[in-house]
């Protein structure tokens, strides 16, 4: 036959602990706690609650009659994909890829008032000399250096050096 469950609040627990400390840990009969409800627990009921808590903790560690869902082996899905094609790849697959290509002939620093004075036919001095290699940037990344040529009245760049890795200009 089990004892009826008794609820106690934090103040009552602290009072019980204080009394236990004052008696040097000896078990004493505990009467009503001052200012507590009339149905205050006794030392025996506190021990009973501790025993129930200990039993509950032990039951977590021991396998019991807890029903577990049916376990099954994990099956890895087939991730092989489609077989590779035997067709030769061409540059046509890159036809729709947009790239920002920039050729830098040179750089200069100018005051804003000098920029506002620029007109058709103005000459801007750059930091590179004629015949120096120009830098080729793709999407803001330096990929090559080359030389400027004139072919059929058009300016062209002949790539002379490819830049490998994370080179910075």
Protein backbone atom coordinates (compact mmCIF):
# COMPACT_ATOMS: atom_id res chain seq x y z
CA UNK A 1 0.00 0.00 0.00
CA UNK A 2 1.51 3.31 -1.04
CA UNK A 3 1.38 6.52 0.88
CA UNK A 4 -0.69 9.36 -0.53
CA UNK A 5 1.39 11.89 -2.44
CA UNK A 6 2.06 15.11 -0.57
CA UNK A 7 3.01 18.35 -2.26
CA UNK A 8 5.49 20.63 -0.53
CA UNK A 9 6.82 23.98 -1.60
CA UNK A 10 10.40 25.24 -1.64
CA UNK A 11 10.12 27.06 1.70
CA UNK A 12 9.06 23.87 3.47
CA UNK A 13 11.99 21.96 1.93
CA UNK A 14 14.44 24.63 3.07
CA UNK A 15 12.99 24.56 6.60
CA UNK A 16 13.35 20.77 6.73
CA UNK A 17 16.94 20.94 5.54
CA UNK A 18 17.72 23.66 8.08
CA UNK A 19 16.33 21.52 10.91
CA UNK A 20 18.32 18.51 9.71
CA UNK A 21 21.52 20.57 9.70
CA UNK A 22 20.83 21.92 13.18
CA UNK A 23 20.47 18.38 14.54
CA UNK A 24 23.72 17.19 12.95
CA UNK A 25 22.01 15.03 10.34
CA UNK A 26 20.15 12.88 12.89
CA UNK A 27 16.62 11.94 11.97
CA UNK A 28 14.12 13.71 14.14
CA UNK A 29 10.39 13.82 14.10
CA UNK A 30 9.33 16.97 12.35
CA UNK A 31 6.21 18.73 13.36
CA UNK A 32 4.32 21.40 11.53
CA UNK A 33 6.52 23.99 9.87
CA UNK A 34 6.00 27.53 11.03
CA UNK A 35 3.85 29.50 8.60
CA UNK A 36 3.21 26.40 6.48
CA UNK A 37 -0.04 24.77 5.56
CA UNK A 38 -1.43 22.43 8.20
CA UNK A 39 -0.68 19.32 6.14
CA UNK A 40 3.11 19.72 6.19
CA UNK A 41 5.17 16.63 5.42
CA UNK A 42 7.07 14.63 7.97
CA UNK A 43 10.63 13.38 7.61
CA UNK A 44 9.22 9.99 6.66
CA UNK A 45 7.17 11.45 3.82
CA UNK A 46 10.22 13.38 2.55
CA UNK A 47 12.22 10.15 2.61
CA UNK A 48 9.39 8.45 0.72
CA UNK A 49 9.47 11.17 -1.96
CA UNK A 50 13.24 10.84 -2.29
CA UNK A 51 12.89 7.06 -2.64
CA UNK A 52 10.29 7.48 -5.38
CA UNK A 53 12.55 9.92 -7.23
CA UNK A 54 15.50 7.52 -6.93
CA UNK A 55 13.38 4.65 -8.26
CA UNK A 56 12.27 6.80 -11.19
CA UNK A 57 15.89 7.64 -12.05
CA UNK A 58 16.92 3.97 -11.83
CA UNK A 59 14.08 2.98 -14.14
CA UNK A 60 15.51 5.28 -16.81
CA UNK A 61 18.84 3.44 -16.75
CA UNK A 62 17.34 -0.07 -16.77
CA UNK A 63 15.62 -1.48 -19.85
CA UNK A 64 12.00 -1.92 -19.02
CA UNK A 65 8.75 -2.54 -20.77
CA UNK A 66 9.00 0.70 -22.70
CA UNK A 67 7.78 0.08 -26.22
CA UNK A 68 10.14 1.21 -28.92
CA UNK A 69 9.21 1.69 -32.55
CA UNK A 70 10.24 -1.05 -34.93
CA UNK A 71 13.81 -0.44 -36.10
CA UNK A 72 14.97 -1.18 -39.63
CA UNK A 73 18.27 -0.96 -41.46
CA UNK A 74 19.14 2.30 -43.21
CA UNK A 75 19.13 1.93 -46.96
CA UNK A 76 21.25 4.28 -49.02
CA UNK A 77 19.50 5.46 -52.16
CA UNK A 78 21.11 4.90 -55.54
CA UNK A 79 23.05 8.09 -56.23
CA UNK A 80 24.91 6.96 -59.34
CA UNK A 81 23.10 9.40 -61.64
CA UNK A 82 23.11 9.27 -65.40
CA UNK A 83 26.08 7.80 -67.24
CA UNK A 84 28.50 10.24 -68.83
CA UNK A 85 27.89 11.06 -72.46
CA UNK A 86 30.39 10.05 -75.09
CA UNK A 87 29.89 13.31 -76.99
CA UNK A 88 32.80 15.69 -77.11
CA UNK A 89 32.11 18.89 -75.19
CA UNK A 90 32.48 22.12 -77.09
CA UNK A 91 32.51 25.74 -76.10
CA UNK A 92 28.82 25.87 -77.03
CA UNK A 93 27.94 24.81 -73.47
CA UNK A 94 29.45 28.12 -72.27
CA UNK A 95 27.65 30.26 -74.84
CA UNK A 96 25.04 31.53 -72.33
CA UNK A 97 27.51 32.21 -69.49
CA UNK A 98 27.96 35.93 -68.90
CA UNK A 99 31.42 37.21 -67.96
CA UNK A 100 32.61 40.71 -67.24
CA UNK A 101 35.79 41.16 -69.30
CA UNK A 102 37.92 44.23 -68.65
CA UNK A 103 41.22 45.27 -70.25
CA UNK A 104 43.19 47.77 -68.19
CA UNK A 105 45.48 49.91 -70.30
CA UNK A 106 46.76 51.80 -67.28
CA UNK A 107 45.73 53.90 -64.28
CA UNK A 108 45.95 57.51 -63.21
CA UNK A 109 44.85 59.76 -60.37
CA UNK A 110 42.99 62.92 -61.31
CA UNK A 111 41.23 65.67 -59.42
CA UNK A 112 37.52 66.02 -60.03
CA UNK A 113 37.96 69.44 -61.63
CA UNK A 114 40.42 67.90 -64.14
CA UNK A 115 37.91 65.17 -64.99
CA UNK A 116 35.22 67.83 -65.59
CA UNK A 117 37.54 69.63 -68.02
CA UNK A 118 37.94 66.56 -70.24
CA UNK A 119 36.62 67.05 -73.77
CA UNK A 120 36.74 65.15 -77.03
CA UNK A 121 40.37 64.80 -78.03
CA UNK A 122 41.75 65.30 -74.47
CA UNK A 123 44.80 63.25 -73.60
CA UNK A 124 44.98 61.40 -70.27
CA UNK A 125 48.42 60.29 -69.10
CA UNK A 126 48.47 56.74 -67.73
CA UNK A 127 50.99 55.00 -65.47
CA UNK A 128 52.06 52.55 -68.22
CA UNK A 129 54.24 53.21 -71.21
CA UNK A 130 53.45 52.31 -74.80
CA UNK A 131 54.35 48.66 -75.36
CA UNK A 132 53.91 47.69 -71.69
CA UNK A 133 51.66 44.67 -71.14
CA UNK A 134 48.02 45.37 -70.33
CA UNK A 135 46.04 43.49 -67.66
CA UNK A 136 43.05 41.31 -68.58
CA UNK A 137 40.39 40.90 -65.86
CA UNK A 138 37.45 38.47 -65.92
CA UNK A 139 34.79 39.11 -63.28
CA UNK A 140 37.24 41.35 -61.42
CA UNK A 141 40.01 38.75 -61.29
CA UNK A 142 43.33 39.17 -63.08
CA UNK A 143 43.69 36.21 -65.46
CA UNK A 144 46.18 37.36 -68.12
CA UNK A 145 48.55 40.00 -69.44
CA UNK A 146 48.87 40.88 -73.08
CA UNK A 147 49.87 43.50 -75.62
CA UNK A 148 47.66 45.93 -77.50
CA UNK A 149 47.60 45.57 -81.28
CA UNK A 150 45.76 47.34 -84.08
CA UNK A 151 44.17 44.95 -86.57
CA UNK A 152 41.96 46.26 -89.42
CA UNK A 153 41.51 49.60 -87.61
CA UNK A 154 40.39 47.80 -84.41
CA UNK A 155 42.24 47.55 -81.14
CA UNK A 156 43.00 43.99 -80.03
CA UNK A 157 44.85 42.32 -77.21
CA UNK A 158 47.22 39.43 -77.82
CA UNK A 159 47.47 37.33 -74.66
CA UNK A 160 51.14 36.90 -73.79
CA UNK A 161 50.92 35.49 -70.25
CA UNK A 162 48.24 33.59 -68.32
CA UNK A 163 48.13 34.28 -64.59
CA UNK A 164 47.65 31.13 -62.50
CA UNK A 165 46.31 30.99 -58.94
CA UNK A 166 45.25 33.93 -56.81
CA UNK A 167 47.53 36.57 -58.31
CA UNK A 168 46.70 40.14 -57.37
CA UNK A 169 47.58 43.14 -59.50
